[in-house]
C-alpha atoms as a PDB file:
ATOM      1  CA  MET A   1     108.781  69.718  82.761  1.00  0.00           C
ATOM      2  CA  VAL A   2     106.888  71.603  80.091  1.00  0.00           C
ATOM      3  CA  ASN A   3     108.519  74.675  81.843  1.00  0.00           C
ATOM      4  CA  SER A   4     112.023  73.122  81.821  1.00  0.00           C
ATOM      5  CA  SER A   5     111.842  72.578  78.213  1.00  0.00           C
ATOM      6  CA  LEU A   6     111.163  76.265  78.132  1.00  0.00           C
ATOM      7  CA  LEU A   7     114.866  77.192  79.624  1.00  0.00           C
ATOM      8  CA  ASN A   8     116.385  74.664  76.292  1.00  0.00           C
ATOM      9  CA  LYS A   9     115.213  77.497  74.017  1.00  0.00           C
ATOM     10  CA  PRO A  10     118.272  80.141  73.371  1.00  0.00           C
ATOM     11  CA  SER A  11     115.749  82.819  73.483  1.00  0.00           C
ATOM     12  CA  TYR A  12     113.696  81.939  76.360  1.00  0.00           C
ATOM     13  CA  TYR A  13     116.499  81.499  78.665  1.00  0.00           C
ATOM     14  CA  PHE A  14     118.085  84.528  77.466  1.00  0.00           C
ATOM     15  CA  SER A  15     114.632  86.408  77.968  1.00  0.00           C
ATOM     16  CA  VAL A  16     114.436  85.277  81.634  1.00  0.00           C
ATOM     17  CA  TYR A  17     117.998  85.376  82.655  1.00  0.00           C
ATOM     18  CA  SER A  18     118.086  89.109  81.557  1.00  0.00           C
ATOM     19  CA  ALA A  19     114.769  90.200  83.109  1.00  0.00           C
ATOM     20  CA  ARG A  20     116.267  88.722  86.275  1.00  0.00           C
ATOM     21  CA  LYS A  21     119.666  90.482  86.196  1.00  0.00           C
ATOM     22  CA  PHE A  22     117.771  93.659  85.401  1.00  0.00           C
ATOM     23  CA  LEU A  23     115.467  93.227  88.605  1.00  0.00           C
ATOM     24  CA  ARG A  24     118.677  91.963  90.886  1.00  0.00           C
ATOM     25  CA  LYS A  25     120.238  95.469  89.917  1.00  0.00           C
ATOM     26  CA  ARG A  26     117.631  97.284  91.990  1.00  0.00           C
ATOM     27  CA  ASP A  27     116.627  96.213  95.610  1.00  0.00           C
ATOM     28  CA  PHE A  28     115.037  92.858  97.008  1.00  0.00           C
ATOM     29  CA  LEU A  29     111.478  93.833  96.745  1.00  0.00           C
ATOM     30  CA  HIS A  30     112.089  93.882  93.183  1.00  0.00           C
ATOM     31  CA  TYR A  31     114.117  90.955  92.743  1.00  0.00           C
ATOM     32  CA  GLY A  32     112.521  89.151  95.481  1.00  0.00           C
ATOM     33  CA  SER A  33     108.944  88.509  93.903  1.00  0.00           C
ATOM     34  CA  GLN A  34     110.093  86.645  91.433  1.00  0.00           C
ATOM     35  CA  LEU A  35     111.977  83.951  93.936  1.00  0.00           C
ATOM     36  CA  VAL A  36     108.031  83.471  95.401  1.00  0.00           C
ATOM     37  CA  PRO A  37     106.143  81.475  92.781  1.00  0.00           C
ATOM     38  CA  GLU A  38     107.009  78.242  91.524  1.00  0.00           C
ATOM     39  CA  ARG A  39     109.072  77.921  88.402  1.00  0.00           C
ATOM     40  CA  LEU A  40     106.628  79.152  85.636  1.00  0.00           C
ATOM     41  CA  GLY A  41     105.134  81.781  87.520  1.00  0.00           C
ATOM     42  CA  SER A  42     108.349  83.144  88.277  1.00  0.00           C
ATOM     43  CA  GLU A  43     109.700  83.400  84.738  1.00  0.00           C
ATOM     44  CA  THR A  44     106.595  84.543  83.844  1.00  0.00           C
ATOM     45  CA  TRP A  45     106.575  87.269  86.229  1.00  0.00           C
ATOM     46  CA  SER A  46     110.200  88.018  85.874  1.00  0.00           C
ATOM     47  CA  MET A  47     109.580  89.322  82.144  1.00  0.00           C
ATOM     48  CA  ALA A  48     106.405  91.128  82.827  1.00  0.00           C
ATOM     49  CA  TRP A  49     107.912  93.194  86.112  1.00  0.00           C
ATOM     50  CA  ALA A  50     110.857  93.865  84.285  1.00  0.00           C
ATOM     51  CA  TYR A  51     109.039  95.238  81.502  1.00  0.00           C
ATOM     52  CA  ILE A  52     106.831  97.407  83.580  1.00  0.00           C
ATOM     53  CA  ARG A  53     109.539  98.528  85.840  1.00  0.00           C
ATOM     54  CA  GLU A  54     111.388  99.664  82.423  1.00  0.00           C
ATOM     55  CA  ILE A  55     109.188 101.443  81.201  1.00  0.00           C
ATOM     56  CA  ASP A  56     108.298 103.010  84.660  1.00  0.00           C
ATOM     57  CA  ASP A  57     112.179 104.245  84.783  1.00  0.00           C
ATOM     58  CA  ILE A  58     112.029 105.588  81.405  1.00  0.00           C
ATOM     59  CA  ILE A  59     108.872 107.726  81.990  1.00  0.00           C
ATOM     60  CA  ASP A  60     110.047 108.817  85.469  1.00  0.00           C
ATOM     61  CA  ARG A  61     112.966 110.818  83.923  1.00  0.00           C
ATOM     62  CA  ASN A  62     112.855 114.572  83.951  1.00  0.00           C
ATOM     63  CA  ILE A  63     111.248 114.729  80.413  1.00  0.00           C
ATOM     64  CA  GLY A  64     108.625 116.585  79.166  1.00  0.00           C
ATOM     65  CA  CYS A  65     105.131 115.441  79.440  1.00  0.00           C
ATOM     66  CA  ASP A  66     105.021 115.086  75.681  1.00  0.00           C
ATOM     67  CA  LYS A  67     107.888 112.838  75.229  1.00  0.00           C
ATOM     68  CA  GLN A  68     106.694 110.748  78.044  1.00  0.00           C
ATOM     69  CA  LEU A  69     103.173 110.219  75.913  1.00  0.00           C
ATOM     70  CA  ASP A  70     105.124 109.893  72.871  1.00  0.00           C
ATOM     71  CA  ILE A  71     107.136 107.016  74.415  1.00  0.00           C
ATOM     72  CA  LEU A  72     103.932 105.372  76.037  1.00  0.00           C
ATOM     73  CA  SER A  73     102.088 105.386  72.754  1.00  0.00           C
ATOM     74  CA  ARG A  74     104.937 103.635  70.970  1.00  0.00           C
ATOM     75  CA  GLU A  75     105.036 101.202  73.573  1.00  0.00           C
ATOM     76  CA  TRP A  76     101.433 100.538  73.397  1.00  0.00           C
ATOM     77  CA  SER A  77     101.529 100.292  69.887  1.00  0.00           C
ATOM     78  CA  ILE A  78     104.104  97.412  70.119  1.00  0.00           C
ATOM     79  CA  TYR A  79     102.534  95.639  72.749  1.00  0.00           C
ATOM     80  CA  LYS A  80      99.130  95.601  70.725  1.00  0.00           C
ATOM     81  CA  ASP A  81     100.978  94.469  67.325  1.00  0.00           C
ATOM     82  CA  ILE A  82     102.601  91.869  69.566  1.00  0.00           C
ATOM     83  CA  LEU A  83      99.442  90.820  70.911  1.00  0.00           C
ATOM     84  CA  ASP A  84      98.140  90.579  67.076  1.00  0.00           C
ATOM     85  CA  GLY A  85     101.150  88.378  66.141  1.00  0.00           C
ATOM     86  CA  SER A  86     103.338  91.005  64.522  1.00  0.00           C
ATOM     87  CA  SER A  87     106.957  90.363  64.425  1.00  0.00           C
ATOM     88  CA  LEU A  88     108.991  92.548  66.428  1.00  0.00           C
ATOM     89  CA  LYS A  89     111.393  92.701  63.256  1.00  0.00           C
ATOM     90  CA  VAL A  90     108.677  94.806  61.113  1.00  0.00           C
ATOM     91  CA  TYR A  91     109.389  98.119  63.279  1.00  0.00           C
ATOM     92  CA  GLY A  92     112.729  98.482  61.299  1.00  0.00           C
ATOM     93  CA  GLU A  93     114.435  99.814  64.205  1.00  0.00           C
ATOM     94  CA  ARG A  94     116.468  98.810  67.507  1.00  0.00           C
ATOM     95  CA  ILE A  95     114.647  95.898  69.218  1.00  0.00           C
ATOM     96  CA  TYR A  96     115.209  96.536  72.737  1.00  0.00           C
ATOM     97  CA  ILE A  97     115.317  93.519  75.431  1.00  0.00           C
ATOM     98  CA  ARG A  98     112.285  94.765  77.255  1.00  0.00           C
ATOM     99  CA  HIS A  99     110.223  94.053  73.984  1.00  0.00           C
ATOM    100  CA  LEU A 100     111.491  90.535  73.983  1.00  0.00           C
ATOM    101  CA  TRP A 101     110.319  90.361  77.702  1.00  0.00           C
ATOM    102  CA  MET A 102     107.138  91.466  76.469  1.00  0.00           C
ATOM    103  CA  THR A 103     106.812  88.817  73.658  1.00  0.00           C
ATOM    104  CA  GLN A 104     107.864  85.788  75.830  1.00  0.00           C
ATOM    105  CA  PHE A 105     105.583  86.601  78.751  1.00  0.00           C
ATOM    106  CA  LEU A 106     102.384  87.049  76.656  1.00  0.00           C
ATOM    107  CA  LYS A 107     103.382  83.685  74.822  1.00  0.00           C
ATOM    108  CA  ASN A 108     103.511  82.033  78.439  1.00  0.00           C
ATOM    109  CA  LEU A 109     100.352  83.949  79.250  1.00  0.00           C
ATOM    110  CA  PHE A 110      98.497  82.618  76.254  1.00  0.00           C
ATOM    111  CA  LYS A 111      99.481  79.031  76.518  1.00  0.00           C
ATOM    112  CA  TYR A 112      99.900  78.303  80.167  1.00  0.00           C
ATOM    113  CA  TYR A 113      96.958  80.420  81.688  1.00  0.00           C
ATOM    114  CA  ASP A 114      93.386  80.010  81.183  1.00  0.00           C
ATOM    115  CA  SER A 115      91.109  82.308  79.648  1.00  0.00           C
ATOM    116  CA  GLU A 116      89.968  83.863  83.034  1.00  0.00           C
ATOM    117  CA  GLU A 117      93.392  84.480  84.049  1.00  0.00           C
ATOM    118  CA  GLN A 118      94.412  86.130  80.683  1.00  0.00           C
ATOM    119  CA  LYS A 119      91.391  88.561  80.557  1.00  0.00           C
ATOM    120  CA  ILE A 120      92.225  89.565  83.960  1.00  0.00           C
ATOM    121  CA  VAL A 121      96.332  90.290  83.164  1.00  0.00           C
ATOM    122  CA  LEU A 122      95.328  91.846  79.729  1.00  0.00           C
ATOM    123  CA  ASP A 123      92.812  94.411  81.494  1.00  0.00           C
ATOM    124  CA  SER A 124      95.049  94.923  84.532  1.00  0.00           C
ATOM    125  CA  ILE A 125      97.986  95.800  81.725  1.00  0.00           C
ATOM    126  CA  GLU A 126      95.257  98.359  79.907  1.00  0.00           C
ATOM    127  CA  LYS A 127      94.900  99.958  83.271  1.00  0.00           C
ATOM    128  CA  LEU A 128      98.581 100.431  84.092  1.00  0.00           C
ATOM    129  CA  TYR A 129      99.065 101.954  80.614  1.00  0.00           C
ATOM    130  CA  ARG A 130      95.854 104.283  81.297  1.00  0.00           C
ATOM    131  CA  SER A 131      97.653 105.031  84.710  1.00  0.00           C
ATOM    132  CA  ALA A 132     100.888 105.943  83.051  1.00  0.00           C
ATOM    133  CA  VAL A 133      99.103 108.445  80.313  1.00  0.00           C
ATOM    134  CA  LEU A 134      96.997 110.417  83.421  1.00  0.00           C
ATOM    135  CA  ASP A 135      99.730 110.271  85.668  1.00  0.00           C
ATOM    136  CA  SER A 136     102.189 112.374  83.252  1.00  0.00           C
ATOM    137  CA  LYS A 137      99.166 114.850  82.303  1.00  0.00           C
ATOM    138  CA  ARG A 138      98.670 115.732  86.098  1.00  0.00           C
ATOM    139  CA  ARG A 139     101.881 117.365  85.588  1.00  0.00           C
ATOM    140  CA  GLY A 140     101.963 120.744  87.235  1.00  0.00           C
ATOM    141  CA  LYS A 141      98.374 120.121  88.529  1.00  0.00           C
ATOM    142  CA  VAL A 142      96.789 119.651  92.002  1.00  0.00           C
ATOM    143  CA  LEU A 143      94.161 117.074  91.392  1.00  0.00           C
ATOM    144  CA  PRO A 144      91.116 116.654  93.518  1.00  0.00           C
ATOM    145  CA  LEU A 145      91.371 113.650  96.006  1.00  0.00           C
ATOM    146  CA  HIS A 146      88.850 111.223  94.131  1.00  0.00           C
ATOM    147  CA  LYS A 147      91.067 111.642  90.848  1.00  0.00           C
ATOM    148  CA  LEU A 148      94.307 111.266  92.651  1.00  0.00           C
ATOM    149  CA  LEU A 149      92.858 108.402  94.619  1.00  0.00           C
ATOM    150  CA  TYR A 150      91.494 106.854  91.124  1.00  0.00           C
ATOM    151  CA  LEU A 151      95.301 107.153  89.868  1.00  0.00           C
ATOM    152  CA  THR A 152      96.522 105.738  92.905  1.00  0.00           C
ATOM    153  CA  LYS A 153      94.097 102.331  92.313  1.00  0.00           C
ATOM    154  CA  LEU A 154      95.055 102.007  88.566  1.00  0.00           C
ATOM    155  CA  LYS A 155      99.106 102.227  89.423  1.00  0.00           C
ATOM    156  CA  ALA A 156      99.352  99.967  92.291  1.00  0.00           C
ATOM    157  CA  VAL A 157      96.004  97.698  92.138  1.00  0.00           C
ATOM    158  CA  TYR A 158      96.175  96.279  88.972  1.00  0.00           C
ATOM    159  CA  PHE A 159      99.937  95.893  89.271  1.00  0.00           C
ATOM    160  CA  PHE A 160      99.263  93.349  92.021  1.00  0.00           C
ATOM    161  CA  LYS A 161      96.686  91.520  90.167  1.00  0.00           C
ATOM    162  CA  ILE A 162      99.230  90.709  87.582  1.00  0.00           C
ATOM    163  CA  PHE A 163     101.647  89.749  90.089  1.00  0.00           C
ATOM    164  CA  PHE A 164      99.200  87.275  91.881  1.00  0.00           C
ATOM    165  CA  ILE A 165      98.075  86.082  88.784  1.00  0.00           C
ATOM    166  CA  LEU A 166     101.278  85.433  86.562  1.00  0.00           C
ATOM    167  CA  GLY A 167     102.669  84.176  89.755  1.00  0.00           C
ATOM    168  CA  ARG A 168     100.020  81.753  90.659  1.00  0.00           C
ATOM    169  CA  LEU A 169      99.941  82.554  93.939  1.00  0.00           C
ATOM    170  CA  ASN A 170      96.594  81.347  95.353  1.00  0.00           C
ATOM    171  CA  LEU A 171      94.553  84.209  97.093  1.00  0.00           C
ATOM    172  CA  ASN A 172      91.283  82.285  96.962  1.00  0.00           C
ATOM    173  CA  HIS A 173      88.460  84.284  96.217  1.00  0.00           C
ATOM    174  CA  TYR A 174      90.488  87.075  98.072  1.00  0.00           C
ATOM    175  CA  MET A 175      92.359  88.251  94.899  1.00  0.00           C
ATOM    176  CA  ASP A 176      90.678  91.175  93.941  1.00  0.00           C
ATOM    177  CA  LYS A 177      90.317  92.739  97.825  1.00  0.00           C
ATOM    178  CA  ILE A 178      93.747  92.109  98.918  1.00  0.00           C
ATOM    179  CA  SER A 179      94.961  93.374  95.523  1.00  0.00           C
ATOM    180  CA  GLU A 180      92.952  96.543  95.969  1.00  0.00           C
ATOM    181  CA  PHE A 181      94.033  97.027  99.885  1.00  0.00           C
ATOM    182  CA  LEU A 182      97.949  96.217  98.786  1.00  0.00           C
ATOM    183  CA  GLY A 183      97.860  98.448  96.110  1.00  0.00           C
ATOM    184  CA  MET A 184      96.088 101.232  97.634  1.00  0.00           C
ATOM    185  CA  GLY A 185      98.711 101.232 100.815  1.00  0.00           C
ATOM    186  CA  LEU A 186     101.742 100.948  98.673  1.00  0.00           C
ATOM    187  CA  GLY A 187     100.579 103.332  95.946  1.00  0.00           C
ATOM    188  CA  LEU A 188      99.710 106.032  99.046  1.00  0.00           C
ATOM    189  CA  LEU A 189     103.215 105.536 100.914  1.00  0.00           C
ATOM    190  CA  ASP A 190     104.984 105.683  97.685  1.00  0.00           C
ATOM    191  CA  ASP A 191     103.611 109.156  96.876  1.00  0.00           C
ATOM    192  CA  LEU A 192     104.332 110.384 100.487  1.00  0.00           C
ATOM    193  CA  ILE A 193     107.746 109.025 100.213  1.00  0.00           C
ATOM    194  CA  ASP A 194     108.685 110.587  96.685  1.00  0.00           C
ATOM    195  CA  LEU A 195     106.851 113.866  97.678  1.00  0.00           C
ATOM    196  CA  ILE A 196     109.956 115.786  97.532  1.00  0.00           C
ATOM    197  CA  TYR A 197     111.199 114.232  94.330  1.00  0.00           C
ATOM    198  CA  ASP A 198     108.164 114.149  92.661  1.00  0.00           C
ATOM    199  CA  TRP A 199     107.678 118.023  93.842  1.00  0.00           C
ATOM    200  CA  ARG A 200     110.886 118.704  91.755  1.00  0.00           C
ATOM    201  CA  ILE A 201     110.131 117.429  88.438  1.00  0.00           C
ATOM    202  CA  ASN A 202     106.604 119.092  88.756  1.00  0.00           C
ATOM    203  CA  TYR A 203     104.250 116.191  90.566  1.00  0.00           C
ATOM    204  CA  ILE A 204     101.675 117.035  93.484  1.00  0.00           C
ATOM    205  CA  ASN A 205     100.901 114.055  95.541  1.00  0.00           C
ATOM    206  CA  VAL A 206      98.798 116.166  97.619  1.00  0.00           C
ATOM    207  CA  SER A 207      95.143 116.860  96.798  1.00  0.00           C
ATOM    208  CA  LEU A 208      93.622 119.740  96.340  1.00  0.00           C
ATOM    209  CA  GLU A 209      90.935 119.176  99.538  1.00  0.00           C
ATOM    210  CA  GLU A 210      93.882 118.145 102.138  1.00  0.00           C
ATOM    211  CA  LEU A 211      95.529 121.288 100.865  1.00  0.00           C
ATOM    212  CA  ARG A 212      92.560 123.386 101.549  1.00  0.00           C
ATOM    213  CA  SER A 213      91.716 121.604 104.821  1.00  0.00           C
ATOM    214  CA  ALA A 214      95.316 122.449 106.073  1.00  0.00           C
ATOM    215  CA  GLY A 215      94.567 126.114 105.326  1.00  0.00           C
ATOM    216  CA  LEU A 216      97.360 126.079 102.471  1.00  0.00           C
ATOM    217  CA  ASN A 217      97.303 128.339  99.328  1.00  0.00           C
ATOM    218  CA  VAL A 218      97.980 126.051  96.094  1.00  0.00           C
ATOM    219  CA  ASN A 219      99.810 129.161  94.615  1.00  0.00           C
ATOM    220  CA  ASP A 220     102.036 129.987  97.780  1.00  0.00           C
ATOM    221  CA  LYS A 221     105.454 129.617  96.523  1.00  0.00           C
ATOM    222  CA  HIS A 222     106.688 128.195  99.905  1.00  0.00           C
ATOM    223  CA  LEU A 223     104.020 125.439  99.441  1.00  0.00           C
ATOM    224  CA  LEU A 224     106.310 122.458  99.467  1.00  0.00           C
ATOM    225  CA  SER A 225     108.039 123.768 102.795  1.00  0.00           C
ATOM    226  CA  LYS A 226     104.538 124.610 104.542  1.00  0.00           C
ATOM    227  CA  ILE A 227     103.336 120.852 103.251  1.00  0.00           C
ATOM    228  CA  LEU A 228     106.384 119.300 104.887  1.00  0.00           C
ATOM    229  CA  SER A 229     105.733 120.937 108.447  1.00  0.00           C
ATOM    230  CA  ASN A 230     102.197 120.293 108.554  1.00  0.00           C
ATOM    231  CA  LYS A 231     101.685 117.052 110.795  1.00  0.00           C
ATOM    232  CA  ASP A 232      98.302 116.853 109.912  1.00  0.00           C
ATOM    233  CA  ILE A 233      98.523 116.317 106.410  1.00  0.00           C
ATOM    234  CA  PHE A 234     101.247 113.107 106.910  1.00  0.00           C
ATOM    235  CA  TRP A 235      99.257 111.695 109.924  1.00  0.00           C
ATOM    236  CA  LYS A 236      95.703 111.620 108.239  1.00  0.00           C
ATOM    237  CA  LYS A 237      97.491 109.941 105.405  1.00  0.00           C
ATOM    238  CA  SER A 238      99.703 107.482 107.496  1.00  0.00           C
ATOM    239  CA  LEU A 239      96.086 106.527 109.213  1.00  0.00           C
ATOM    240  CA  GLN A 240      94.724 105.933 105.613  1.00  0.00           C
ATOM    241  CA  ILE A 241      97.794 103.861 104.743  1.00  0.00           C
ATOM    242  CA  LEU A 242      97.572 101.731 107.931  1.00  0.00           C
ATOM    243  CA  ARG A 243      93.719 101.310 107.377  1.00  0.00           C
ATOM    244  CA  VAL A 244      94.071  99.501 104.163  1.00  0.00           C
ATOM    245  CA  LEU A 245      97.175  97.533 104.880  1.00  0.00           C
ATOM    246  CA  LEU A 246      95.415  96.199 108.023  1.00  0.00           C
ATOM    247  CA  SER A 247      92.327  95.444 105.841  1.00  0.00           C
ATOM    248  CA  ALA A 248      94.909  93.386 103.767  1.00  0.00           C
ATOM    249  CA  ARG A 249      96.285  91.809 106.890  1.00  0.00           C
ATOM    250  CA  ILE A 250      92.983  90.398 107.754  1.00  0.00           C
ATOM    251  CA  LEU A 251      91.694  89.258 104.518  1.00  0.00           C
ATOM    252  CA  ALA A 252      95.271  87.142 104.169  1.00  0.00           C
ATOM    253  CA  LEU A 253      94.599  85.463 107.536  1.00  0.00           C
ATOM    254  CA  GLN A 254      91.636  83.645 105.825  1.00  0.00           C
ATOM    255  CA  VAL A 255      93.970  82.353 102.857  1.00  0.00           C
ATOM    256  CA  LYS A 256      94.520  79.028 103.001  1.00  0.00           C
ATOM    257  CA  ASP A 257      97.993  78.589 100.913  1.00  0.00           C
ATOM    258  CA  PRO A 258     100.409  79.472 103.717  1.00  0.00           C
ATOM    259  CA  ILE A 259     102.947  80.971 101.096  1.00  0.00           C
ATOM    260  CA  ALA A 260     100.235  83.142  99.711  1.00  0.00           C
ATOM    261  CA  ARG A 261      98.999  84.085 103.079  1.00  0.00           C
ATOM    262  CA  ASN A 262     102.587  84.695 104.460  1.00  0.00           C
ATOM    263  CA  LEU A 263     103.661  86.575 101.348  1.00  0.00           C
ATOM    264  CA  VAL A 264     100.509  89.331 102.353  1.00  0.00           C
ATOM    265  CA  LEU A 265     101.423  89.623 105.682  1.00  0.00           C
ATOM    266  CA  ARG A 266     105.062  90.253 105.181  1.00  0.00           C
ATOM    267  CA  LEU A 267     104.054  92.953 102.525  1.00  0.00           C
ATOM    268  CA  THR A 268     101.849  94.560 104.672  1.00  0.00           C
ATOM    269  CA  GLU A 269     104.420  94.620 107.594  1.00  0.00           C
ATOM    270  CA  VAL A 270     107.027  96.097 105.332  1.00  0.00           C
ATOM    271  CA  PHE A 271     104.793  98.906 103.960  1.00  0.00           C
ATOM    272  CA  ALA A 272     103.347  99.844 107.452  1.00  0.00           C
ATOM    273  CA  ALA A 273     107.278  99.586 109.297  1.00  0.00           C
ATOM    274  CA  PRO A 274     108.426 103.245 108.121  1.00  0.00           C
ATOM    275  CA  ILE A 275     105.123 104.437 109.493  1.00  0.00           C
ATOM    276  CA  LEU A 276     104.886 102.339 112.995  1.00  0.00           C
ATOM    277  CA  GLN A 277     108.496 102.884 113.700  1.00  0.00           C
ATOM    278  CA  GLY A 278     108.002 106.774 113.300  1.00  0.00           C
ATOM    279  CA  LYS A 279     110.232 107.747 110.756  1.00  0.00           C
ATOM    280  CA  PRO A 280     109.836 111.010 108.566  1.00  0.00           C
ATOM    281  CA  ILE A 281     107.949 109.450 105.685  1.00  0.00           C
ATOM    282  CA  PRO A 282     109.180 111.881 102.658  1.00  0.00           C
ATOM    283  CA  GLY A 283     112.120 110.565 101.352  1.00  0.00           C
ATOM    284  CA  SER A 284     112.124 107.450 103.912  1.00  0.00           C
ATOM    285  CA  THR A 285     112.063 103.673 102.443  1.00  0.00           C
ATOM    286  CA  TYR A 286     110.850 100.445 103.427  1.00  0.00           C
ATOM    287  CA  LEU A 287     113.038  97.561 103.219  1.00  0.00           C
ATOM    288  CA  PHE A 288     112.528  93.716 103.505  1.00  0.00           C
ATOM    289  CA  ARG A 289     114.704  92.685 106.564  1.00  0.00           C
ATOM    290  CA  GLY A 290     117.116  89.877 105.404  1.00  0.00           C
ATOM    291  CA  GLY A 291     116.587  90.812 101.697  1.00  0.00           C
ATOM    292  CA  LYS A 292     120.448  92.457 101.546  1.00  0.00           C
ATOM    293  CA  ILE A 293     121.968  89.425 102.857  1.00  0.00           C
ATOM    294  CA  LEU A 294     120.038  86.839 100.510  1.00  0.00           C
ATOM    295  CA  MET A 295     120.765  89.030  97.280  1.00  0.00           C
ATOM    296  CA  LYS A 296     124.743  88.828  98.719  1.00  0.00           C
ATOM    297  CA  ILE A 297     124.706  84.911  98.527  1.00  0.00           C
ATOM    298  CA  LEU A 298     122.734  84.201  95.826  1.00  0.00           C
ATOM    299  CA  PRO A 299     124.978  83.310  92.764  1.00  0.00           C
ATOM    300  CA  GLU A 300     125.593  84.928  90.108  1.00  0.00           C
ATOM    301  CA  ASP A 301     123.929  82.676  87.900  1.00  0.00           C
ATOM    302  CA  GLU A 302     120.204  83.572  87.750  1.00  0.00           C
ATOM    303  CA  MET A 303     118.986  80.213  86.998  1.00  0.00           C
ATOM    304  CA  LYS A 304     120.981  78.933  89.693  1.00  0.00           C
ATOM    305  CA  ALA A 305     119.950  82.154  92.604  1.00  0.00           C
ATOM    306  CA  TYR A 306     116.158  81.269  91.577  1.00  0.00           C
ATOM    307  CA  GLU A 307     116.365  77.734  92.360  1.00  0.00           C
ATOM    308  CA  ILE A 308     118.429  78.438  95.601  1.00  0.00           C
ATOM    309  CA  GLY A 309     116.560  81.473  96.857  1.00  0.00           C
ATOM    310  CA  HIS A 310     113.285  80.059  95.658  1.00  0.00           C
ATOM    311  CA  LYS A 311     113.595  77.625  98.705  1.00  0.00           C
ATOM    312  CA  ILE A 312     115.083  80.110 101.050  1.00  0.00           C
ATOM    313  CA  VAL A 313     112.858  82.672 101.005  1.00  0.00           C
ATOM    314  CA  ARG A 314     109.355  80.726 101.278  1.00  0.00           C
ATOM    315  CA  LYS A 315     111.096  80.242 104.638  1.00  0.00           C
ATOM    316  CA  VAL A 316     111.977  84.032 105.336  1.00  0.00           C
ATOM    317  CA  LEU A 317     108.228  84.541 104.339  1.00  0.00           C
ATOM    318  CA  ALA A 318     107.041  82.666 107.897  1.00  0.00           C
ATOM    319  CA  ILE A 319     109.398  85.314 109.801  1.00  0.00           C
ATOM    320  CA  PRO A 320     107.634  88.410 110.796  1.00  0.00           C
ATOM    321  CA  GLN A 321     108.894  91.977 109.744  1.00  0.00           C
ATOM    322  CA  ILE A 322     107.846  93.949 112.389  1.00  0.00           C
ATOM    323  CA  SER A 323     107.590  92.822 116.119  1.00  0.00           C
ATOM    324  CA  PRO A 324     104.393  91.383 117.839  1.00  0.00           C
ATOM    325  CA  MET A 325     104.193  95.006 120.028  1.00  0.00           C
ATOM    326  CA  LEU A 326     104.176  97.064 116.689  1.00  0.00           C
ATOM    327  CA  VAL A 327     101.779  94.853 115.608  1.00  0.00           C
ATOM    328  CA  LYS A 328      99.630  95.802 118.656  1.00  0.00           C
ATOM    329  CA  PHE A 329     100.199  99.049 118.455  1.00  0.00           C
ATOM    330  CA  TRP A 330      99.325  99.047 114.632  1.00  0.00           C
ATOM    331  CA  ILE A 331      95.883  97.382 115.497  1.00  0.00           C
ATOM    332  CA  LYS A 332      95.342 100.159 118.208  1.00  0.00           C
ATOM    333  CA  ILE A 333      95.726 103.166 116.777  1.00  0.00           C
ATOM    334  CA  ILE A 334      93.058 101.865 113.672  1.00  0.00           C
ATOM    335  CA  GLY A 335      90.852 100.196 116.311  1.00  0.00           C
END
């Protein structure tokens, strides 16, 4: 009831509506994540996710490291000022919609979530900011494996913590481990899928140890083509991804809440599918089966779309994304 009254406030309604509309312009995994939680969790997560996604889009553009760091520094200053209760008007410049999203989701965080939840979310936001800074600074560098894995953990693991907390998805005491396994799986998969694109803007998603193990020279002008033709590099990374996703899957089976359990199971299947189905990983993609159809049938009105989508997506989550045969194959190659 408290949350229903929030939507009667024009600024809040606009923030939620515009955040959902922004996410809808992307794929179903972006948009569909806000259909899973109950209303308050959905609204809060929508605004947080839209903000994170837009900042990620901005710094993913082919701009220089200094420009990226300037943008991140400015956004961090605005975030800290909002935390301290400052008004957006004090900046004397254009107010971006993303700053309204940030303001409103932080208001929700402090009003409707307990102190422990607040601490986890704020700590995770700081980790995401640090990951963006480190990611920018790694441009043109081949990192040692431990630094590349640390960056992957910062980028993806804490993202899932924010999602699970704001979405109020009950994972019992498994949240930290499931976030770690899902996050590492997704982060490593993204590095493989984006390998060619990232290379073109001077991000190298293969570690120094992996290159040396494959007998490749960092200074070789044909290094990318040699990496792409090296099946051993991709197979080892694929096994690593499948292993951590299977670990998330095993823990998910212990989760009592059926929605949270099914969500994690389906995500592991979606992320594992490109590998299990033998698709060429660089340039590939992962899709949620049925997502495109659901996006087409939902009304344009984002509030109505949530009410309808929320009911449908919970039923969809009960349906596996890959066949039992592929699951058995998955267990076999990891076991």
